[in-house]
Amino acid sequence: MPATTTAIDAVSQRLRELAHKRLAYYSELSRTGRWTLYFTEREFIERLRDVIAVTNAWNEIAGRKPSAKLRDAA
């Protein structure tokens, strides 16, 4: 495998991990109710949908299938 492909794979995996961390953060906001300090309900739902869509996209880019839970939520 060429070095460029390996570098791209490494970057895509890193960005996939970052997307999952962001999803975990928003999940924690949802679980604790802290989202109400920062967003209206509509804003939070829109952002959460965006976070889920981005996570699914990075899963596909990085060659991982998104979980059924994430697919259904998007």
N, C-alpha and C. Protein backbone atom coordinates (compact mmCIF):
# COMPACT_ATOMS: atom_id res chain seq x y z
N MET A 1 0.84 -1.17 0.00
CA MET A 1 0.00 0.00 0.00
C MET A 1 0.89 1.24 0.00
N PRO A 2 0.62 2.20 -0.90
CA PRO A 2 1.45 3.41 -0.94
C PRO A 2 1.34 4.20 0.36
N ALA A 3 2.39 4.95 0.64
CA ALA A 3 2.43 5.74 1.87
C ALA A 3 1.29 6.76 1.93
N THR A 4 0.91 7.30 0.77
CA THR A 4 -0.18 8.28 0.72
C THR A 4 -1.48 7.66 1.20
N THR A 5 -1.76 6.45 0.74
CA THR A 5 -2.98 5.76 1.15
C THR A 5 -2.97 5.49 2.65
N THR A 6 -1.84 5.08 3.16
CA THR A 6 -1.72 4.84 4.60
C THR A 6 -1.95 6.12 5.39
N ALA A 7 -1.39 7.22 4.91
CA ALA A 7 -1.57 8.51 5.58
C ALA A 7 -3.03 8.94 5.55
N ILE A 8 -3.69 8.75 4.41
CA ILE A 8 -5.10 9.10 4.30
C ILE A 8 -5.94 8.23 5.22
N ASP A 9 -5.63 6.95 5.28
CA ASP A 9 -6.35 6.05 6.19
C ASP A 9 -6.18 6.48 7.64
N ALA A 10 -4.97 6.87 8.01
CA ALA A 10 -4.71 7.31 9.38
C ALA A 10 -5.50 8.58 9.70
N VAL A 11 -5.56 9.50 8.76
CA VAL A 11 -6.30 10.74 8.97
C VAL A 11 -7.79 10.44 9.08
N SER A 12 -8.30 9.58 8.20
CA SER A 12 -9.73 9.27 8.25
C SER A 12 -10.10 8.56 9.55
N GLN A 13 -9.23 7.70 10.04
CA GLN A 13 -9.49 7.03 11.33
C GLN A 13 -9.49 8.05 12.47
N ARG A 14 -8.57 9.00 12.42
CA ARG A 14 -8.49 10.02 13.47
C ARG A 14 -9.74 10.89 13.46
N LEU A 15 -10.19 11.28 12.28
CA LEU A 15 -11.39 12.10 12.19
C LEU A 15 -12.64 11.31 12.57
N ARG A 16 -12.64 10.01 12.30
CA ARG A 16 -13.73 9.14 12.74
C ARG A 16 -13.78 9.10 14.26
N GLU A 17 -12.62 8.96 14.89
CA GLU A 17 -12.56 8.96 16.36
C GLU A 17 -13.04 10.29 16.93
N LEU A 18 -12.67 11.38 16.30
CA LEU A 18 -13.10 12.70 16.74
C LEU A 18 -14.62 12.84 16.63
N ALA A 19 -15.20 12.34 15.54
CA ALA A 19 -16.65 12.38 15.37
C ALA A 19 -17.34 11.57 16.46
N HIS A 20 -16.77 10.43 16.84
CA HIS A 20 -17.35 9.61 17.90
C HIS A 20 -17.24 10.31 19.26
N LYS A 21 -16.16 11.04 19.48
CA LYS A 21 -16.03 11.80 20.73
C LYS A 21 -17.09 12.91 20.79
N ARG A 22 -17.30 13.55 19.66
CA ARG A 22 -18.32 14.60 19.58
C ARG A 22 -19.70 14.01 19.84
N LEU A 23 -19.98 12.84 19.27
CA LEU A 23 -21.26 12.17 19.50
C LEU A 23 -21.41 11.81 20.97
N ALA A 24 -20.36 11.34 21.59
CA ALA A 24 -20.40 11.00 23.02
C ALA A 24 -20.69 12.25 23.85
N TYR A 25 -20.10 13.38 23.48
CA TYR A 25 -20.33 14.64 24.19
C TYR A 25 -21.81 15.03 24.10
N TYR A 26 -22.37 14.98 22.89
CA TYR A 26 -23.77 15.34 22.72
C TYR A 26 -24.69 14.34 23.41
N SER A 27 -24.31 13.08 23.43
CA SER A 27 -25.09 12.07 24.15
C SER A 27 -25.10 12.37 25.64
N GLU A 28 -23.95 12.79 26.15
CA GLU A 28 -23.86 13.15 27.57
C GLU A 28 -24.71 14.39 27.87
N LEU A 29 -24.67 15.38 26.98
CA LEU A 29 -25.53 16.55 27.16
C LEU A 29 -27.00 16.14 27.22
N SER A 30 -27.38 15.23 26.35
CA SER A 30 -28.76 14.75 26.31
C SER A 30 -29.12 13.99 27.57
N ARG A 31 -28.24 13.10 27.98
CA ARG A 31 -28.50 12.25 29.15
C ARG A 31 -28.65 13.08 30.43
N THR A 32 -27.82 14.10 30.58
CA THR A 32 -27.82 14.88 31.81
C THR A 32 -28.80 16.06 31.78
N GLY A 33 -29.26 16.41 30.59
CA GLY A 33 -30.14 17.57 30.47
C GLY A 33 -29.40 18.89 30.41
N ARG A 34 -28.07 18.85 30.38
CA ARG A 34 -27.27 20.08 30.33
C ARG A 34 -27.46 20.84 29.03
N TRP A 35 -27.98 20.17 28.00
CA TRP A 35 -28.19 20.84 26.72
C TRP A 35 -29.08 22.06 26.88
N THR A 36 -29.97 22.04 27.90
CA THR A 36 -30.90 23.16 28.09
C THR A 36 -30.18 24.45 28.47
N LEU A 37 -28.95 24.34 28.95
CA LEU A 37 -28.17 25.52 29.28
C LEU A 37 -27.61 26.22 28.04
N TYR A 38 -27.50 25.48 26.95
CA TYR A 38 -26.81 25.98 25.76
C TYR A 38 -27.70 26.14 24.53
N PHE A 39 -28.78 25.35 24.44
CA PHE A 39 -29.58 25.30 23.22
C PHE A 39 -31.07 25.33 23.52
N THR A 40 -31.84 25.75 22.51
CA THR A 40 -33.27 25.49 22.56
C THR A 40 -33.45 24.03 22.15
N GLU A 41 -34.62 23.49 22.38
CA GLU A 41 -34.85 22.09 22.01
C GLU A 41 -34.64 21.87 20.52
N ARG A 42 -35.14 22.78 19.71
CA ARG A 42 -35.01 22.66 18.26
C ARG A 42 -33.53 22.70 17.83
N GLU A 43 -32.79 23.65 18.39
CA GLU A 43 -31.36 23.75 18.05
C GLU A 43 -30.61 22.48 18.43
N PHE A 44 -30.92 21.95 19.61
CA PHE A 44 -30.21 20.75 20.06
C PHE A 44 -30.52 19.56 19.16
N ILE A 45 -31.78 19.40 18.81
CA ILE A 45 -32.16 18.28 17.94
C ILE A 45 -31.48 18.41 16.58
N GLU A 46 -31.45 19.62 16.04
CA GLU A 46 -30.77 19.83 14.75
C GLU A 46 -29.29 19.51 14.84
N ARG A 47 -28.65 19.96 15.90
CA ARG A 47 -27.21 19.69 16.07
C ARG A 47 -26.95 18.21 16.29
N LEU A 48 -27.79 17.57 17.08
CA LEU A 48 -27.62 16.14 17.33
C LEU A 48 -27.77 15.35 16.03
N ARG A 49 -28.74 15.70 15.22
CA ARG A 49 -28.90 15.03 13.92
C ARG A 49 -27.67 15.23 13.05
N ASP A 50 -27.12 16.44 13.06
CA ASP A 50 -25.91 16.73 12.30
C ASP A 50 -24.74 15.90 12.81
N VAL A 51 -24.60 15.81 14.12
CA VAL A 51 -23.51 15.03 14.73
C VAL A 51 -23.63 13.56 14.32
N ILE A 52 -24.83 13.03 14.34
CA ILE A 52 -25.06 11.63 13.95
C ILE A 52 -24.73 11.44 12.47
N ALA A 53 -25.15 12.38 11.62
CA ALA A 53 -24.87 12.27 10.18
C ALA A 53 -23.37 12.33 9.91
N VAL A 54 -22.67 13.23 10.58
CA VAL A 54 -21.22 13.35 10.39
C VAL A 54 -20.51 12.08 10.87
N THR A 55 -20.96 11.54 12.00
CA THR A 55 -20.37 10.30 12.52
C THR A 55 -20.58 9.16 11.53
N ASN A 56 -21.78 9.05 10.98
CA ASN A 56 -22.04 8.01 9.98
C ASN A 56 -21.17 8.20 8.74
N ALA A 57 -21.01 9.45 8.31
CA ALA A 57 -20.18 9.72 7.14
C ALA A 57 -18.73 9.29 7.38
N TRP A 58 -18.18 9.63 8.55
CA TRP A 58 -16.79 9.24 8.84
C TRP A 58 -16.67 7.73 9.01
N ASN A 59 -17.70 7.08 9.51
CA ASN A 59 -17.68 5.62 9.58
C ASN A 59 -17.56 5.02 8.17
N GLU A 60 -18.31 5.57 7.23
CA GLU A 60 -18.25 5.08 5.85
C GLU A 60 -16.90 5.41 5.21
N ILE A 61 -16.43 6.63 5.40
CA ILE A 61 -15.15 7.03 4.82
C ILE A 61 -14.02 6.16 5.36
N ALA A 62 -14.07 5.89 6.64
CA ALA A 62 -13.00 5.11 7.28
C ALA A 62 -13.20 3.61 7.07
N GLY A 63 -14.24 3.23 6.34
CA GLY A 63 -14.44 1.82 6.02
C GLY A 63 -15.13 1.02 7.11
N ARG A 64 -15.85 1.68 7.97
CA ARG A 64 -16.59 0.99 9.03
C ARG A 64 -18.07 1.22 8.81
N LYS A 65 -18.86 0.19 8.97
CA LYS A 65 -20.30 0.35 8.84
C LYS A 65 -20.84 1.00 10.11
N PRO A 66 -21.76 1.98 9.94
CA PRO A 66 -22.37 2.57 11.13
C PRO A 66 -23.27 1.58 11.83
N SER A 67 -23.39 1.71 13.13
CA SER A 67 -24.25 0.81 13.87
C SER A 67 -25.70 1.07 13.48
N ALA A 68 -26.55 0.07 13.66
CA ALA A 68 -27.97 0.21 13.33
C ALA A 68 -28.59 1.35 14.12
N LYS A 69 -28.16 1.55 15.35
CA LYS A 69 -28.70 2.61 16.19
C LYS A 69 -28.42 3.98 15.55
N LEU A 70 -27.21 4.18 15.04
CA LEU A 70 -26.89 5.44 14.41
C LEU A 70 -27.62 5.62 13.07
N ARG A 71 -27.71 4.54 12.27
CA ARG A 71 -28.40 4.61 10.99
C ARG A 71 -29.85 5.00 11.19
N ASP A 72 -30.50 4.40 12.16
CA ASP A 72 -31.92 4.66 12.39
C ASP A 72 -32.16 6.04 12.94
N ALA A 73 -31.21 6.59 13.66
CA ALA A 73 -31.39 7.91 14.28
C ALA A 73 -31.24 9.04 13.28
N ALA A 74 -30.50 8.82 12.22
CA ALA A 74 -30.23 9.90 11.25
C ALA A 74 -31.41 10.20 10.38
